[in-house]
N, C-alpha and C. Protein backbone atom coordinates (compact mmCIF):
# COMPACT_ATOMS: atom_id res chain seq x y z
N MET A 1 -42.97 1.05 41.46
CA MET A 1 -43.43 1.20 40.01
C MET A 1 -42.05 0.92 39.32
N LYS A 2 -42.08 0.21 38.03
CA LYS A 2 -41.10 -0.10 37.27
C LYS A 2 -41.58 0.02 35.78
N ILE A 3 -40.68 0.51 34.81
CA ILE A 3 -40.84 0.53 33.55
C ILE A 3 -39.66 0.13 32.87
N GLU A 4 -39.78 -0.99 31.90
CA GLU A 4 -38.93 -1.64 31.00
C GLU A 4 -38.78 -0.75 29.60
N ILE A 5 -37.85 -0.30 29.20
CA ILE A 5 -37.59 0.18 27.95
C ILE A 5 -36.84 -0.43 26.89
N THR A 6 -37.19 -0.84 25.83
CA THR A 6 -36.67 -1.61 24.84
C THR A 6 -36.44 -0.57 23.65
N ARG A 7 -35.19 -0.71 23.10
CA ARG A 7 -34.96 0.19 21.77
C ARG A 7 -35.61 -0.71 20.61
N LEU A 8 -36.18 -0.19 19.68
CA LEU A 8 -36.85 -1.10 18.32
C LEU A 8 -36.34 -0.81 17.39
N ASP A 9 -35.36 0.18 16.98
CA ASP A 9 -34.69 0.46 15.95
C ASP A 9 -33.13 0.90 16.09
N ASP A 10 -32.43 1.25 15.02
CA ASP A 10 -31.17 1.76 15.18
C ASP A 10 -31.23 3.17 15.41
N ALA A 11 -32.20 3.76 15.33
CA ALA A 11 -32.48 5.23 15.95
C ALA A 11 -33.12 5.41 17.24
N PHE A 12 -34.04 6.09 17.29
CA PHE A 12 -34.56 6.40 18.48
C PHE A 12 -35.93 5.76 18.73
N HIS A 13 -36.64 4.77 18.16
CA HIS A 13 -37.92 4.52 18.42
C HIS A 13 -37.83 3.07 19.61
N PHE A 14 -38.64 3.69 20.81
CA PHE A 14 -38.54 2.68 22.05
C PHE A 14 -39.91 2.25 22.35
N GLU A 15 -39.84 1.26 23.13
CA GLU A 15 -41.32 0.90 23.52
C GLU A 15 -40.96 0.69 25.17
N ALA A 16 -41.85 1.33 25.88
CA ALA A 16 -42.02 1.40 27.39
C ALA A 16 -43.10 0.56 27.77
N LEU A 17 -42.90 -0.54 28.72
CA LEU A 17 -43.56 -1.48 28.91
C LEU A 17 -43.66 -1.34 30.78
N ASN A 18 -44.92 -1.31 31.23
CA ASN A 18 -45.03 -1.26 32.58
C ASN A 18 -45.01 -2.76 33.23
N GLU A 19 -45.41 -2.73 34.39
CA GLU A 19 -45.24 -4.20 35.13
C GLU A 19 -46.60 -4.85 34.70
N ASP A 20 -47.72 -4.16 34.02
CA ASP A 20 -48.94 -4.86 33.89
C ASP A 20 -49.14 -5.16 32.35
N GLY A 21 -48.03 -4.83 31.70
CA GLY A 21 -47.83 -5.20 30.18
C GLY A 21 -48.22 -4.17 29.15
N GLN A 22 -48.95 -3.02 29.80
CA GLN A 22 -49.16 -2.02 28.92
C GLN A 22 -48.05 -1.10 28.29
N SER A 23 -48.00 -0.71 27.24
CA SER A 23 -46.81 -0.25 26.46
C SER A 23 -47.24 1.15 25.81
N VAL A 24 -46.28 1.80 25.61
CA VAL A 24 -46.38 3.07 25.01
C VAL A 24 -45.10 3.44 23.98
N HIS A 25 -45.33 3.91 22.84
CA HIS A 25 -44.19 4.06 21.83
C HIS A 25 -43.71 5.52 21.99
N VAL A 26 -42.15 5.72 22.03
CA VAL A 26 -41.46 6.82 22.30
C VAL A 26 -40.63 7.12 20.95
N ASP A 27 -40.55 8.03 20.49
CA ASP A 27 -39.66 8.21 19.35
C ASP A 27 -39.21 9.74 19.38
N ALA A 28 -38.19 9.88 18.48
CA ALA A 28 -37.53 11.51 18.22
C ALA A 28 -38.19 11.99 17.09
N ALA A 29 -38.00 13.31 16.95
CA ALA A 29 -38.55 14.28 15.88
C ALA A 29 -37.65 13.55 14.69
N PRO A 30 -38.37 13.60 13.55
CA PRO A 30 -37.44 13.24 12.07
C PRO A 30 -36.20 14.53 11.95
N ALA A 31 -36.32 15.57 12.44
CA ALA A 31 -35.18 16.54 12.38
C ALA A 31 -33.94 15.84 13.11
N ILE A 32 -34.13 15.17 14.00
CA ILE A 32 -33.06 14.58 14.74
C ILE A 32 -32.74 13.36 14.40
N GLY A 33 -33.43 12.42 13.39
CA GLY A 33 -33.16 11.18 13.27
C GLY A 33 -34.42 10.35 13.71
N GLY A 34 -35.23 10.44 14.05
CA GLY A 34 -36.32 9.77 14.57
C GLY A 34 -37.44 9.54 13.55
N HIS A 35 -38.13 8.70 13.48
CA HIS A 35 -39.41 7.91 12.67
C HIS A 35 -40.64 8.64 12.95
N ASN A 36 -40.77 9.54 13.70
CA ASN A 36 -42.26 9.80 13.99
C ASN A 36 -43.24 8.56 14.43
N LEU A 37 -42.62 7.59 15.24
CA LEU A 37 -43.29 6.30 15.65
C LEU A 37 -43.73 6.20 16.53
N GLY A 38 -43.84 7.32 17.56
CA GLY A 38 -44.29 7.42 18.87
C GLY A 38 -44.35 8.89 19.36
N MET A 39 -44.80 9.00 20.51
CA MET A 39 -44.77 10.38 21.10
C MET A 39 -43.49 10.77 21.55
N ARG A 40 -43.19 11.86 21.69
CA ARG A 40 -41.99 12.76 22.25
C ARG A 40 -42.05 12.38 23.68
N PRO A 41 -40.79 12.26 24.42
CA PRO A 41 -40.70 12.58 25.97
C PRO A 41 -41.54 13.76 26.50
N MET A 42 -41.33 15.01 25.78
CA MET A 42 -41.98 16.11 26.53
C MET A 42 -43.58 16.11 26.27
N GLN A 43 -44.07 15.42 25.09
CA GLN A 43 -45.27 15.19 24.82
C GLN A 43 -46.07 14.31 25.97
N LEU A 44 -45.33 13.28 26.18
CA LEU A 44 -45.73 12.42 27.31
C LEU A 44 -45.87 13.14 28.78
N LEU A 45 -45.12 14.03 29.04
CA LEU A 45 -45.12 14.91 30.19
C LEU A 45 -46.57 15.61 29.95
N LEU A 46 -47.12 16.06 28.96
CA LEU A 46 -48.44 16.66 28.92
C LEU A 46 -49.37 15.81 28.76
N VAL A 47 -49.35 14.50 28.56
CA VAL A 47 -50.23 13.46 28.47
C VAL A 47 -50.59 13.29 29.75
N ALA A 48 -49.29 13.26 30.62
CA ALA A 48 -49.19 12.87 32.07
C ALA A 48 -49.88 13.64 32.84
N ILE A 49 -49.87 15.23 32.72
CA ILE A 49 -50.65 16.06 33.48
C ILE A 49 -51.74 16.02 33.25
N GLY A 50 -52.38 15.91 32.01
CA GLY A 50 -53.64 16.01 31.68
C GLY A 50 -54.44 14.78 32.25
N THR A 51 -53.88 13.75 32.13
CA THR A 51 -54.58 12.55 32.66
C THR A 51 -54.69 12.49 34.03
N CYS A 52 -53.40 12.82 34.75
CA CYS A 52 -53.25 12.60 36.03
C CYS A 52 -54.46 13.61 36.59
N SER A 53 -54.49 14.68 36.27
CA SER A 53 -55.63 15.49 36.66
C SER A 53 -56.97 15.21 36.54
N VAL A 54 -57.49 14.81 35.47
CA VAL A 54 -58.63 14.57 35.04
C VAL A 54 -58.97 13.06 35.81
N ILE A 55 -58.31 12.13 35.96
CA ILE A 55 -58.50 11.16 36.94
C ILE A 55 -59.11 11.61 38.03
N ASP A 56 -58.19 12.36 38.59
CA ASP A 56 -58.60 12.77 40.22
C ASP A 56 -60.09 13.66 40.31
N MET A 57 -60.33 14.45 39.20
CA MET A 57 -61.63 15.16 38.94
C MET A 57 -62.67 13.98 38.74
N LEU A 58 -62.54 13.15 37.92
CA LEU A 58 -63.47 12.32 37.93
C LEU A 58 -63.93 11.59 39.21
N LEU A 59 -62.82 11.29 39.79
CA LEU A 59 -63.26 10.55 41.55
C LEU A 59 -63.97 11.57 42.08
N ILE A 60 -63.34 12.63 42.28
CA ILE A 60 -64.17 13.72 43.05
C ILE A 60 -65.65 14.11 42.67
N LEU A 61 -65.72 14.07 41.35
CA LEU A 61 -67.11 14.35 40.86
C LEU A 61 -68.08 12.99 41.21
N LYS A 62 -67.56 11.72 41.12
CA LYS A 62 -68.19 10.87 41.29
C LYS A 62 -68.69 10.68 42.66
N LYS A 63 -67.69 10.98 43.82
CA LYS A 63 -68.19 11.06 44.95
C LYS A 63 -69.19 12.12 45.29
N GLN A 64 -69.31 13.52 44.51
CA GLN A 64 -70.18 14.47 44.49
C GLN A 64 -71.70 14.19 43.75
N ARG A 65 -71.57 12.87 43.27
CA ARG A 65 -72.76 12.32 42.46
C ARG A 65 -73.14 12.98 41.31
N GLN A 66 -72.02 13.58 40.73
CA GLN A 66 -72.09 14.32 39.42
C GLN A 66 -72.02 13.23 38.36
N ASP A 67 -72.85 13.32 37.26
CA ASP A 67 -72.93 12.26 36.39
C ASP A 67 -72.14 12.72 35.19
N VAL A 68 -70.91 12.56 34.91
CA VAL A 68 -70.23 12.88 33.76
C VAL A 68 -70.18 12.21 32.83
N LYS A 69 -70.91 12.38 31.62
CA LYS A 69 -71.11 11.47 30.48
C LYS A 69 -69.78 11.49 29.64
N ASP A 70 -68.96 12.65 29.58
CA ASP A 70 -67.74 12.54 28.72
C ASP A 70 -66.74 13.63 29.01
N VAL A 71 -65.64 13.83 28.78
CA VAL A 71 -64.57 14.71 29.11
C VAL A 71 -63.63 14.67 27.91
N ARG A 72 -63.18 15.80 27.34
CA ARG A 72 -62.16 16.36 26.80
C ARG A 72 -61.16 17.08 27.32
N ILE A 73 -59.80 16.90 27.26
CA ILE A 73 -58.78 17.75 27.73
C ILE A 73 -57.80 18.11 26.45
N THR A 74 -57.58 19.62 26.49
CA THR A 74 -56.48 20.09 25.78
C THR A 74 -55.25 20.71 26.57
N VAL A 75 -54.09 20.17 26.13
CA VAL A 75 -53.14 20.62 27.16
C VAL A 75 -52.14 21.35 26.31
N LEU A 76 -51.55 22.51 26.52
CA LEU A 76 -50.77 23.27 25.83
C LEU A 76 -49.37 23.51 26.56
N GLY A 77 -48.47 23.22 25.94
CA GLY A 77 -47.17 23.49 26.59
C GLY A 77 -46.14 24.43 25.77
N GLU A 78 -45.65 25.45 26.55
CA GLU A 78 -44.66 26.31 26.10
C GLU A 78 -43.43 25.81 26.82
N ARG A 79 -42.40 25.76 25.82
CA ARG A 79 -40.84 25.51 26.30
C ARG A 79 -40.25 26.66 26.29
N ALA A 80 -39.01 26.89 27.13
CA ALA A 80 -37.82 27.94 26.93
C ALA A 80 -37.21 27.96 25.60
N PRO A 81 -37.37 28.81 24.86
CA PRO A 81 -36.66 28.86 23.36
C PRO A 81 -35.37 29.25 23.69
N ASP A 82 -34.46 28.71 22.67
CA ASP A 82 -33.17 28.62 22.29
C ASP A 82 -32.11 28.31 23.44
N VAL A 83 -32.62 27.08 24.43
CA VAL A 83 -31.98 26.83 25.59
C VAL A 83 -31.71 25.24 25.66
N ILE A 84 -30.87 24.90 26.20
CA ILE A 84 -30.74 23.35 26.41
C ILE A 84 -30.40 23.06 27.85
N PRO A 85 -31.06 22.44 28.51
CA PRO A 85 -32.44 21.93 28.54
C PRO A 85 -33.43 23.10 28.06
N SER A 86 -34.76 22.53 27.76
CA SER A 86 -35.59 23.50 27.34
C SER A 86 -36.83 22.89 28.05
N PRO A 87 -36.97 23.32 29.47
CA PRO A 87 -38.04 22.92 29.86
C PRO A 87 -39.37 23.52 29.80
N PHE A 88 -40.20 22.93 29.87
CA PHE A 88 -41.69 23.78 30.05
C PHE A 88 -41.61 25.26 30.93
N THR A 89 -42.16 26.15 30.30
CA THR A 89 -42.22 27.49 30.99
C THR A 89 -43.85 27.82 31.42
N ASN A 90 -44.51 27.16 30.30
CA ASN A 90 -46.03 27.30 30.96
C ASN A 90 -46.80 26.16 30.25
N ILE A 91 -47.99 25.52 31.16
CA ILE A 91 -48.77 24.53 30.70
C ILE A 91 -50.11 24.95 31.01
N ASP A 92 -50.82 25.13 30.06
CA ASP A 92 -52.27 25.12 30.03
C ASP A 92 -53.10 24.19 29.75
N MET A 93 -54.31 23.70 30.82
CA MET A 93 -55.05 22.73 30.58
C MET A 93 -56.52 23.09 30.43
N LYS A 94 -57.17 22.89 29.43
CA LYS A 94 -58.78 23.28 29.22
C LYS A 94 -59.40 22.04 29.28
N PHE A 95 -60.49 21.90 30.25
CA PHE A 95 -61.21 20.65 30.41
C PHE A 95 -62.66 20.95 30.12
N THR A 96 -63.21 20.14 29.19
CA THR A 96 -64.42 20.05 28.67
C THR A 96 -65.27 18.97 29.28
N PHE A 97 -66.19 19.03 30.00
CA PHE A 97 -67.00 18.48 30.75
C PHE A 97 -68.30 18.10 30.00
N PHE A 98 -68.88 17.05 29.78
CA PHE A 98 -70.24 16.81 29.31
C PHE A 98 -71.13 16.16 29.82
N GLY A 99 -72.39 16.91 30.04
CA GLY A 99 -73.49 16.43 31.06
C GLY A 99 -74.13 17.21 31.75
N ASP A 100 -75.08 17.06 32.68
CA ASP A 100 -75.86 17.72 33.25
C ASP A 100 -75.21 18.17 34.73
N LEU A 101 -74.02 19.06 34.91
CA LEU A 101 -73.39 19.04 35.83
C LEU A 101 -73.36 20.40 36.69
N LYS A 102 -73.34 20.56 37.88
CA LYS A 102 -73.17 21.87 38.90
C LYS A 102 -72.02 22.55 38.58
N PRO A 103 -71.92 23.71 37.81
CA PRO A 103 -70.49 24.09 37.85
C PRO A 103 -69.89 24.51 38.95
N GLU A 104 -70.30 24.58 40.33
CA GLU A 104 -69.63 24.87 41.41
C GLU A 104 -68.88 23.45 41.90
N ARG A 105 -69.64 22.59 41.53
CA ARG A 105 -68.61 21.03 41.89
C ARG A 105 -67.86 20.92 40.77
N VAL A 106 -67.93 21.16 39.80
CA VAL A 106 -66.85 20.99 38.64
C VAL A 106 -65.76 21.82 39.14
N GLU A 107 -65.94 23.18 39.39
CA GLU A 107 -64.98 23.88 39.79
C GLU A 107 -63.92 23.72 41.01
N LYS A 108 -64.90 23.18 41.84
CA LYS A 108 -64.04 22.49 43.14
C LYS A 108 -63.28 21.39 42.68
N ALA A 109 -63.62 20.46 41.68
CA ALA A 109 -63.08 19.15 41.46
C ALA A 109 -61.89 19.51 40.75
N VAL A 110 -61.92 20.62 39.54
CA VAL A 110 -60.70 21.01 38.90
C VAL A 110 -59.62 21.67 39.80
N ARG A 111 -60.16 22.62 40.75
CA ARG A 111 -58.97 23.31 41.69
C ARG A 111 -58.23 22.20 42.42
N LEU A 112 -59.33 21.31 43.11
CA LEU A 112 -58.48 20.42 44.05
C LEU A 112 -57.63 19.72 43.31
N SER A 113 -58.00 18.84 42.18
CA SER A 113 -57.18 18.18 41.47
C SER A 113 -55.93 18.74 40.90
N VAL A 114 -55.79 19.92 40.21
CA VAL A 114 -54.76 20.44 39.81
C VAL A 114 -53.75 21.08 41.03
N ASP A 115 -54.45 21.64 41.99
CA ASP A 115 -53.62 22.38 42.84
C ASP A 115 -53.27 21.69 44.15
N LYS A 116 -53.92 20.43 44.38
CA LYS A 116 -53.64 19.52 45.49
C LYS A 116 -53.36 18.19 45.29
N TYR A 117 -54.05 17.55 44.27
CA TYR A 117 -54.00 16.14 44.32
C TYR A 117 -53.18 15.45 43.18
N CYS A 118 -53.10 16.03 42.06
CA CYS A 118 -52.37 15.36 40.92
C CYS A 118 -50.82 15.71 41.13
N SER A 119 -50.28 14.43 41.50
CA SER A 119 -48.51 14.37 41.60
C SER A 119 -47.91 15.02 40.42
N VAL A 120 -48.29 14.87 39.23
CA VAL A 120 -47.85 15.28 37.83
C VAL A 120 -47.90 17.03 38.16
N SER A 121 -48.92 17.46 38.17
CA SER A 121 -48.96 18.99 38.22
C SER A 121 -48.05 19.46 39.39
N ILE A 122 -48.20 19.06 40.43
CA ILE A 122 -47.52 19.54 41.70
C ILE A 122 -45.76 19.43 41.42
N MET A 123 -45.50 18.20 40.58
CA MET A 123 -44.07 18.40 40.09
C MET A 123 -43.84 19.42 39.27
N LEU A 124 -44.42 19.50 38.16
CA LEU A 124 -44.32 20.33 36.92
C LEU A 124 -44.49 21.76 37.49
N GLU A 125 -45.26 22.03 38.45
CA GLU A 125 -45.27 23.64 38.57
C GLU A 125 -44.18 24.18 39.34
N LYS A 126 -43.08 23.20 39.54
CA LYS A 126 -41.81 23.69 40.22
C LYS A 126 -41.09 24.54 39.17
N THR A 127 -41.32 24.09 37.96
CA THR A 127 -40.58 24.57 36.56
C THR A 127 -41.42 25.41 35.80
N ALA A 128 -42.73 25.04 35.76
CA ALA A 128 -43.60 25.67 34.76
C ALA A 128 -44.77 26.56 35.69
N ARG A 129 -45.27 27.40 34.98
CA ARG A 129 -46.46 28.08 35.33
C ARG A 129 -47.76 27.32 34.89
N VAL A 130 -48.45 26.63 35.65
CA VAL A 130 -49.54 25.78 35.52
C VAL A 130 -50.97 26.47 35.43
N THR A 131 -51.56 26.71 34.51
CA THR A 131 -53.05 27.19 34.51
C THR A 131 -53.88 26.10 34.04
N TYR A 132 -55.17 26.54 34.34
CA TYR A 132 -56.27 25.76 33.90
C TYR A 132 -57.72 26.16 33.76
N SER A 133 -58.50 25.64 32.86
CA SER A 133 -59.97 26.44 32.85
C SER A 133 -60.63 25.13 32.38
N PHE A 134 -61.86 25.52 32.68
CA PHE A 134 -63.00 24.32 32.34
C PHE A 134 -64.22 24.96 31.80
N ASP A 135 -64.96 24.18 31.04
CA ASP A 135 -66.32 24.42 30.62
C ASP A 135 -67.28 23.21 30.68
N ILE A 136 -68.46 23.29 30.67
CA ILE A 136 -69.46 22.37 30.81
C ILE A 136 -70.39 22.32 29.44
N GLN A 137 -70.38 21.54 28.82
CA GLN A 137 -71.29 21.10 27.78
C GLN A 137 -72.36 20.11 27.88
N PRO A 138 -73.56 20.33 27.40
CA PRO A 138 -74.55 19.24 27.37
C PRO A 138 -74.18 18.26 26.79
N PHE A 139 -74.75 16.96 26.97
CA PHE A 139 -74.35 15.82 26.45
C PHE A 139 -75.13 15.46 25.34
N THR A 140 -74.94 15.27 24.25
CA THR A 140 -75.72 14.81 23.24
C THR A 140 -75.19 13.25 22.68
N SER A 141 -75.91 12.23 22.85
CA SER A 141 -75.50 11.02 22.18
C SER A 141 -75.34 10.71 20.64
């Protein structure tokens, strides 16, 4: 795995490019001279844990023949106050699945993903308490 990072301005705006040509913009907060032109690095960690987990969940649910019509994820991160570095101390993920799904199968997929399969959650749980919950909503098109 390889990421190339290019500075785009004279401040803190960067573009990170993967081997397949996809990119993401990263910037610092305006309070320290950034221009709000991309996500902050710590925000990207929350993106990573949420998407890593849900990809695993969707794969597991597909194997269980569950027809997930949509899914939404909210990830909340709390950081250690007034210290440098300021790592996450708590990360809470809320998964909302849409479709006619069996709750016991969704629960199993969520648990397996976060506790066993998601590499990002396994790494982050070494420094932060990682919690999660889910609910199932009917799908309306």
